């Protein structure tokens, strides 16, 4: 009997000091651990981050086929403007151009596999027309077409420079060639933002599904018997979803670092992910409380997220651009100010949905 009384007193003390919001957050995380779809998504991200050093090579080949090292394209050049075309090809180290006296000889070697592409040039009214022939239906086609397009752009630039004196107005100067590394560009402008913000999408989608499922299954009413308020329920679910995205971001950046991808300003990046997650989760909570059913809520959430990120991408301080600048340690004061602005918007959004929760009648959900 004494043990029973002691146990009851312990529970009474624990209940007095426990926060129902933390209880709800822990419940959400335990339920999340049993969701196979979410676990699979995390495993995929884990695989990408853990083997980024290997995957980035193949992904960059799709992102910029011309960046593949060790592949040389042999091209046959024939026609009236062979000299101009050969001069343009010389600007591309991955293409080796050979002069052919006749078009038939060039295409004969192309059919035999001696050359990978044919540039047939023709002069028409002081204009140069070029027909490029590439292999059909293979990975080689992508490489040849990519490098061929760059050679044609080089031809256009050369002709513009040669004929600038005959123009009434001088042409605008071309921007300098920065000589960017495609592996570097892909890693920090695509791969890193993808790993950082994909957990944000997942957190928002889980929040929508969790709240709408509680409504449809009637368990939301059981939660309120605890007793907890609607604000406590929203806070608990939101806190769990906002917490998991930065944790994943830290894990992914750590794995990228182990793969030789240096990531600077990790603290600011985590703050950026947390701020954007707060905005997204707040949007998902608002949609869940106002939409009539789960399907409508998911649709509205998806459209809202697309509009948010599409609009933010158009701004200089978009999430992806800000993350890339922070990661390569080229952030300025304005970059850090953008992170603080996202944080302020996130806090305001969370406060707005909490006020919305106080005005929602749970009996009507």
Protein backbone atom coordinates (compact mmCIF):
# COMPACT_ATOMS: atom_id res chain seq x y z
CA UNK A 1 0.00 0.00 0.00
CA UNK A 2 2.88 2.34 0.85
CA UNK A 3 4.48 1.66 -2.53
CA UNK A 4 1.18 2.40 -4.24
CA UNK A 5 0.85 5.73 -2.45
CA UNK A 6 4.44 6.65 -3.32
CA UNK A 7 3.83 5.81 -6.99
CA UNK A 8 0.67 7.96 -7.06
CA UNK A 9 2.52 10.87 -5.47
CA UNK A 10 5.32 10.56 -8.04
CA UNK A 11 2.83 10.71 -10.88
CA UNK A 12 1.11 13.68 -9.29
CA UNK A 13 4.41 15.57 -9.08
CA UNK A 14 5.39 14.57 -12.62
CA UNK A 15 2.05 15.69 -14.00
CA UNK A 16 2.37 19.02 -12.22
CA UNK A 17 5.74 19.81 -13.76
CA UNK A 18 5.30 18.13 -17.15
CA UNK A 19 4.35 20.19 -20.15
CA UNK A 20 1.56 18.69 -22.26
CA UNK A 21 3.12 20.23 -25.36
CA UNK A 22 6.29 18.22 -24.84
CA UNK A 23 4.20 15.11 -24.34
CA UNK A 24 2.41 15.70 -27.63
CA UNK A 25 5.73 16.41 -29.38
CA UNK A 26 7.20 13.16 -28.07
CA UNK A 27 4.12 11.29 -29.20
CA UNK A 28 4.51 12.76 -32.69
CA UNK A 29 8.13 11.68 -32.89
CA UNK A 30 7.29 8.14 -31.77
CA UNK A 31 4.55 7.89 -34.39
CA UNK A 32 6.93 9.30 -36.99
CA UNK A 33 9.40 6.51 -36.30
CA UNK A 34 6.79 3.98 -37.44
CA UNK A 35 6.05 5.72 -40.74
CA UNK A 36 7.80 3.67 -43.43
CA UNK A 37 7.44 6.36 -46.11
CA UNK A 38 9.16 8.99 -43.99
CA UNK A 39 11.90 6.60 -42.94
CA UNK A 40 12.51 5.73 -46.59
CA UNK A 41 12.79 9.43 -47.49
CA UNK A 42 15.33 9.95 -44.70
CA UNK A 43 17.30 6.90 -45.82
CA UNK A 44 17.46 8.25 -49.38
CA UNK A 45 18.77 11.59 -48.11
CA UNK A 46 21.25 9.73 -45.91
CA UNK A 47 22.48 7.76 -48.92
CA UNK A 48 22.93 10.91 -51.02
CA UNK A 49 24.80 12.75 -48.26
CA UNK A 50 26.95 9.77 -47.26
CA UNK A 51 28.08 9.02 -50.81
CA UNK A 52 28.06 12.57 -52.16
CA UNK A 53 31.66 12.29 -53.30
CA UNK A 54 30.71 9.46 -55.69
CA UNK A 55 27.21 10.57 -56.68
CA UNK A 56 28.20 14.10 -57.55
CA UNK A 57 30.35 12.86 -60.43
CA UNK A 58 27.46 11.16 -62.17
CA UNK A 59 24.97 13.92 -61.30
CA UNK A 60 27.26 16.64 -62.63
CA UNK A 61 27.54 14.67 -65.86
CA UNK A 62 23.77 15.16 -66.26
CA UNK A 63 23.88 18.75 -64.99
CA UNK A 64 26.74 19.75 -67.33
CA UNK A 65 27.72 16.97 -69.76
CA UNK A 66 30.59 19.05 -71.09
CA UNK A 67 32.35 18.86 -67.73
CA UNK A 68 33.18 15.16 -68.11
CA UNK A 69 36.94 14.79 -68.12
CA UNK A 70 38.84 12.37 -70.29
CA UNK A 71 36.36 12.31 -73.18
CA UNK A 72 37.54 13.70 -76.52
CA UNK A 73 35.18 14.36 -79.43
CA UNK A 74 36.55 14.02 -82.96
CA UNK A 75 34.62 16.23 -85.35
CA UNK A 76 34.70 16.46 -89.14
CA UNK A 77 34.36 20.00 -90.55
CA UNK A 78 33.47 20.60 -94.16
CA UNK A 79 31.97 23.28 -96.39
CA UNK A 80 32.47 26.93 -97.28
CA UNK A 81 33.20 28.22 -93.76
CA UNK A 82 35.53 25.49 -92.59
CA UNK A 83 38.18 27.93 -91.38
CA UNK A 84 35.77 29.86 -89.18
CA UNK A 85 34.30 26.67 -87.73
CA UNK A 86 37.73 25.20 -86.98
CA UNK A 87 38.74 28.43 -85.23
CA UNK A 88 35.65 28.17 -83.01
CA UNK A 89 36.31 24.50 -82.27
CA UNK A 90 39.85 25.35 -81.17
CA UNK A 91 38.30 27.25 -78.26
CA UNK A 92 36.82 23.99 -76.94
CA UNK A 93 39.48 21.63 -75.52
CA UNK A 94 37.09 18.66 -75.57
CA UNK A 95 36.63 18.82 -79.38
CA UNK A 96 39.27 18.06 -81.98
CA UNK A 97 38.26 19.34 -85.45
CA UNK A 98 39.54 17.90 -88.73
CA UNK A 99 39.18 19.54 -92.15
CA UNK A 100 37.45 17.43 -94.83
CA UNK A 101 37.55 18.32 -98.48
CA UNK A 102 34.12 16.88 -99.28
CA UNK A 103 30.92 16.39 -97.32
CA UNK A 104 30.60 12.80 -98.53
CA UNK A 105 33.99 11.89 -97.03
CA UNK A 106 33.01 13.46 -93.72
CA UNK A 107 29.76 11.52 -93.49
CA UNK A 108 31.49 8.31 -94.58
CA UNK A 109 33.90 8.56 -91.65
CA UNK A 110 30.97 9.44 -89.38
CA UNK A 111 29.18 6.25 -90.42
CA UNK A 112 32.34 4.23 -89.81
CA UNK A 113 32.77 5.72 -86.34
CA UNK A 114 36.04 7.47 -87.16
CA UNK A 115 34.56 10.83 -86.13
CA UNK A 116 31.85 11.54 -83.55
CA UNK A 117 30.23 14.53 -85.24
CA UNK A 118 30.04 16.41 -88.53
CA UNK A 119 29.84 20.20 -88.94
CA UNK A 120 28.66 21.04 -92.44
CA UNK A 121 29.06 24.77 -93.14
CA UNK A 122 27.47 26.82 -95.92
CA UNK A 123 27.69 30.54 -96.82
CA UNK A 124 24.36 32.08 -97.79
CA UNK A 125 24.17 35.86 -98.42
CA UNK A 126 27.17 36.59 -96.22
CA UNK A 127 25.72 34.40 -93.50
CA UNK A 128 27.13 31.13 -92.22
CA UNK A 129 24.79 28.21 -91.75
CA UNK A 130 26.00 25.15 -89.87
CA UNK A 131 24.33 21.74 -89.75
CA UNK A 132 25.70 19.54 -86.96
CA UNK A 133 25.21 15.78 -87.11
CA UNK A 134 25.55 13.75 -83.89
CA UNK A 135 25.08 10.06 -83.00
CA UNK A 136 21.55 8.91 -82.27
CA UNK A 137 20.25 7.33 -79.10
CA UNK A 138 23.22 7.02 -76.74
CA UNK A 139 24.94 8.83 -73.89
CA UNK A 140 27.49 9.93 -76.45
CA UNK A 141 24.77 12.02 -78.10
CA UNK A 142 24.35 14.17 -74.99
CA UNK A 143 28.07 14.87 -74.75
CA UNK A 144 28.46 15.62 -78.45
CA UNK A 145 25.43 17.91 -78.59
CA UNK A 146 26.49 19.78 -75.44
CA UNK A 147 30.01 20.43 -76.70
CA UNK A 148 28.73 21.13 -80.22
CA UNK A 149 26.43 23.85 -78.92
CA UNK A 150 29.33 25.48 -77.12
CA UNK A 151 31.39 25.40 -80.33
CA UNK A 152 28.55 27.05 -82.24
CA UNK A 153 28.28 29.75 -79.58
CA UNK A 154 32.02 30.33 -79.92
CA UNK A 155 31.56 30.69 -83.69
CA UNK A 156 28.84 33.27 -83.13
CA UNK A 157 31.03 35.24 -80.73
CA UNK A 158 33.94 35.21 -83.17
CA UNK A 159 31.78 36.45 -86.04
CA UNK A 160 30.30 39.22 -83.91
CA UNK A 161 33.81 40.37 -82.96
CA UNK A 162 35.03 40.26 -86.58
CA UNK A 163 32.05 42.20 -87.92
CA UNK A 164 31.82 44.76 -85.12
CA UNK A 165 33.43 47.48 -87.29
CA UNK A 166 30.62 47.27 -89.86
CA UNK A 167 27.90 47.93 -87.28
CA UNK A 168 26.46 51.40 -86.77
CA UNK A 169 26.33 50.81 -83.01
CA UNK A 170 29.06 48.88 -81.23
CA UNK A 171 27.90 45.60 -79.66
CA UNK A 172 27.72 45.25 -75.92
CA UNK A 173 30.83 43.67 -74.42
CA UNK A 174 30.50 40.07 -73.33
CA UNK A 175 30.82 39.33 -69.62
CA UNK A 176 34.19 37.90 -68.63
CA UNK A 177 34.57 34.16 -68.42
CA UNK A 178 34.67 33.33 -64.73
CA UNK A 179 35.88 29.80 -65.36
CA UNK A 180 33.52 28.26 -62.82
CA UNK A 181 33.92 24.64 -61.83
CA UNK A 182 30.70 22.69 -62.61
CA UNK A 183 31.34 20.27 -59.74
CA UNK A 184 31.65 23.18 -57.36
CA UNK A 185 28.58 24.91 -58.81
CA UNK A 186 26.43 21.78 -58.68
CA UNK A 187 27.43 20.83 -55.14
CA UNK A 188 26.72 24.18 -53.54
CA UNK A 189 23.84 25.48 -55.67
CA UNK A 190 21.84 22.26 -56.12
CA UNK A 191 22.97 19.36 -53.94
CA UNK A 192 23.45 21.26 -50.66
CA UNK A 193 20.16 23.24 -50.84
CA UNK A 194 18.35 20.03 -51.80
CA UNK A 195 19.61 18.22 -48.71
CA UNK A 196 18.90 21.21 -46.47
CA UNK A 197 15.37 22.03 -47.60
CA UNK A 198 13.94 18.62 -48.47
CA UNK A 199 13.46 17.91 -44.73
CA UNK A 200 11.56 21.22 -44.57
CA UNK A 201 9.05 19.97 -47.15
CA UNK A 202 8.74 16.68 -45.29
CA UNK A 203 8.07 18.41 -41.97
CA UNK A 204 5.31 20.51 -43.47
CA UNK A 205 3.69 17.58 -45.22
CA UNK A 206 3.79 15.47 -42.03
CA UNK A 207 2.16 18.28 -40.06
CA UNK A 208 -0.70 18.53 -42.54
CA UNK A 209 -1.21 14.79 -42.55
CA UNK A 210 -0.99 14.52 -38.75
CA UNK A 211 -3.57 17.21 -37.96
CA UNK A 212 -6.02 16.17 -40.68
CA UNK A 213 -5.70 12.51 -39.66
CA UNK A 214 -6.46 13.44 -36.03
CA UNK A 215 -9.59 15.21 -37.23
CA UNK A 216 -10.81 12.41 -39.49
CA UNK A 217 -10.12 9.62 -36.99
CA UNK A 218 -11.61 11.51 -34.04
CA UNK A 219 -8.43 11.30 -31.94
CA UNK A 220 -8.23 15.09 -31.76
CA UNK A 221 -11.16 15.04 -29.35
CA UNK A 222 -9.38 12.42 -27.22
CA UNK A 223 -6.30 14.64 -27.02
CA UNK A 224 -8.40 17.51 -25.72
CA UNK A 225 -9.74 15.33 -22.88
CA UNK A 226 -6.16 15.21 -21.46
CA UNK A 227 -6.91 18.14 -20.69
CA UNK A 228 -5.01 20.22 -23.25
CA UNK A 229 -6.06 23.22 -25.28
CA UNK A 230 -6.07 23.46 -29.03
CA UNK A 231 -3.03 25.74 -28.77
CA UNK A 232 -1.16 23.06 -26.81
CA UNK A 233 -1.90 20.51 -29.52
CA UNK A 234 -0.71 22.88 -32.26
CA UNK A 235 2.42 23.81 -30.28
CA UNK A 236 3.34 20.19 -29.58
CA UNK A 237 2.94 19.00 -33.14
CA UNK A 238 4.67 22.08 -34.57
CA UNK A 239 7.62 21.85 -32.16
CA UNK A 240 8.29 18.23 -33.13
CA UNK A 241 8.21 18.98 -36.86
CA UNK A 242 10.28 22.16 -36.58
CA UNK A 243 12.94 20.32 -34.55
CA UNK A 244 13.57 17.39 -36.88
CA UNK A 245 14.52 19.44 -39.98
CA UNK A 246 17.56 21.23 -38.44
CA UNK A 247 18.70 17.95 -36.89
CA UNK A 248 18.65 16.31 -40.31
CA UNK A 249 20.43 19.32 -41.82
CA UNK A 250 23.27 19.00 -39.30
CA UNK A 251 23.60 15.29 -40.08
CA UNK A 252 23.68 15.87 -43.84
CA UNK A 253 26.29 18.65 -43.57
CA UNK A 254 28.43 16.42 -41.37
CA UNK A 255 28.30 13.62 -43.93
CA UNK A 256 29.09 16.07 -46.74
CA UNK A 257 32.15 17.22 -44.79
CA UNK A 258 33.30 13.61 -44.43
CA UNK A 259 33.03 13.32 -48.23
CA UNK A 260 35.34 16.27 -48.74
CA UNK A 261 32.66 18.92 -49.28
CA UNK A 262 33.61 21.83 -47.03
CA UNK A 263 30.60 23.61 -45.52
CA UNK A 264 31.11 26.94 -43.77
CA UNK A 265 28.81 28.83 -41.39
CA UNK A 266 27.05 25.70 -40.16
CA UNK A 267 25.39 27.60 -37.33
CA UNK A 268 23.86 30.15 -39.70
CA UNK A 269 22.73 27.37 -42.04
CA UNK A 270 21.00 25.56 -39.19
CA UNK A 271 19.31 28.84 -38.21
CA UNK A 272 18.18 29.32 -41.82
CA UNK A 273 16.71 25.81 -41.99
CA UNK A 274 14.95 26.27 -38.65
CA UNK A 275 13.48 29.61 -39.75
CA UNK A 276 12.22 28.30 -43.09
CA UNK A 277 10.84 25.20 -41.37
CA UNK A 278 8.92 27.39 -38.92
CA UNK A 279 7.35 29.26 -41.85
CA UNK A 280 6.44 26.07 -43.69
CA UNK A 281 5.07 24.30 -40.60
CA UNK A 282 3.02 27.37 -39.69
CA UNK A 283 1.55 27.35 -43.18
CA UNK A 284 0.76 23.64 -42.89
CA UNK A 285 -0.98 24.12 -39.53
CA UNK A 286 -3.10 26.97 -40.88
CA UNK A 287 -4.09 24.92 -43.91
CA UNK A 288 -4.94 21.91 -41.73
CA UNK A 289 -7.18 23.96 -39.45
CA UNK A 290 -9.02 25.72 -42.27
CA UNK A 291 -9.27 23.06 -45.01
CA UNK A 292 -12.34 20.79 -44.96
CA UNK A 293 -10.49 17.48 -45.45
CA UNK A 294 -7.06 15.88 -45.88
CA UNK A 295 -7.02 15.95 -49.68
CA UNK A 296 -7.85 19.64 -49.82
CA UNK A 297 -5.31 20.40 -47.11
CA UNK A 298 -2.48 18.62 -48.92
CA UNK A 299 -3.38 20.34 -52.19
CA UNK A 300 -3.48 23.80 -50.62
CA UNK A 301 -0.24 23.13 -48.76
CA UNK A 302 1.54 21.98 -51.94
CA UNK A 303 0.38 25.03 -53.89
CA UNK A 304 1.32 27.34 -51.04
CA UNK A 305 4.82 25.87 -50.74
CA UNK A 306 5.39 26.14 -54.49
CA UNK A 307 4.32 29.78 -54.47
CA UNK A 308 6.48 30.52 -51.43
CA UNK A 309 9.68 29.00 -52.82
CA UNK A 310 9.03 30.22 -56.37
CA UNK A 311 8.56 33.75 -55.10
CA UNK A 312 11.59 33.51 -52.81
CA UNK A 313 13.74 32.19 -55.68
CA UNK A 314 13.09 35.37 -57.64
CA UNK A 315 14.60 37.41 -54.80
CA UNK A 316 18.37 37.83 -54.30
CA UNK A 317 17.95 36.51 -50.77
CA UNK A 318 16.10 33.31 -51.66
CA UNK A 319 16.63 30.31 -49.35
CA UNK A 320 18.74 28.35 -51.86
CA UNK A 321 20.90 31.34 -52.77
CA UNK A 322 21.37 32.29 -49.12
CA UNK A 323 22.34 28.71 -48.22
CA UNK A 324 24.88 28.54 -51.04
CA UNK A 325 26.50 31.85 -50.06
CA UNK A 326 26.74 30.78 -46.44
CA UNK A 327 28.14 27.34 -47.30
CA UNK A 328 30.96 28.71 -49.48
CA UNK A 329 31.79 31.37 -46.86
CA UNK A 330 30.99 34.29 -49.16
CA UNK A 331 28.18 35.62 -46.97
CA UNK A 332 27.96 39.34 -46.36
CA UNK A 333 26.16 41.33 -43.71
CA UNK A 334 23.07 41.41 -45.92
CA UNK A 335 23.15 37.60 -46.21
CA UNK A 336 23.07 37.20 -42.45
CA UNK A 337 20.39 39.89 -42.26
CA UNK A 338 18.27 37.77 -44.62
CA UNK A 339 18.57 34.82 -42.21
CA UNK A 340 17.39 37.04 -39.37
CA UNK A 341 14.46 38.23 -41.50
CA UNK A 342 13.46 34.63 -42.19
CA UNK A 343 13.67 33.98 -38.46
CA UNK A 344 11.44 36.95 -37.71
CA UNK A 345 8.91 35.84 -40.32
CA UNK A 346 8.97 32.32 -38.86
CA UNK A 347 8.30 33.59 -35.32
CA UNK A 348 5.50 35.81 -36.59
CA UNK A 349 3.99 32.93 -38.58
CA UNK A 350 4.03 30.62 -35.54
CA UNK A 351 2.43 33.33 -33.43
CA UNK A 352 -0.26 33.86 -36.08
CA UNK A 353 -1.26 30.19 -36.20
CA UNK A 354 -1.37 30.05 -32.40
CA UNK A 355 -3.86 32.91 -32.44
CA UNK A 356 -5.76 31.12 -35.18
CA UNK A 357 -5.90 27.99 -33.00
CA UNK A 358 -7.51 29.96 -30.17
CA UNK A 359 -10.32 31.05 -32.51
CA UNK A 360 -11.00 27.60 -33.91
CA UNK A 361 -13.89 25.74 -32.35
CA UNK A 362 -12.59 22.16 -31.87
CA UNK A 363 -16.12 20.81 -31.92
CA UNK A 364 -16.48 21.97 -35.52
CA UNK A 365 -13.31 20.28 -36.77
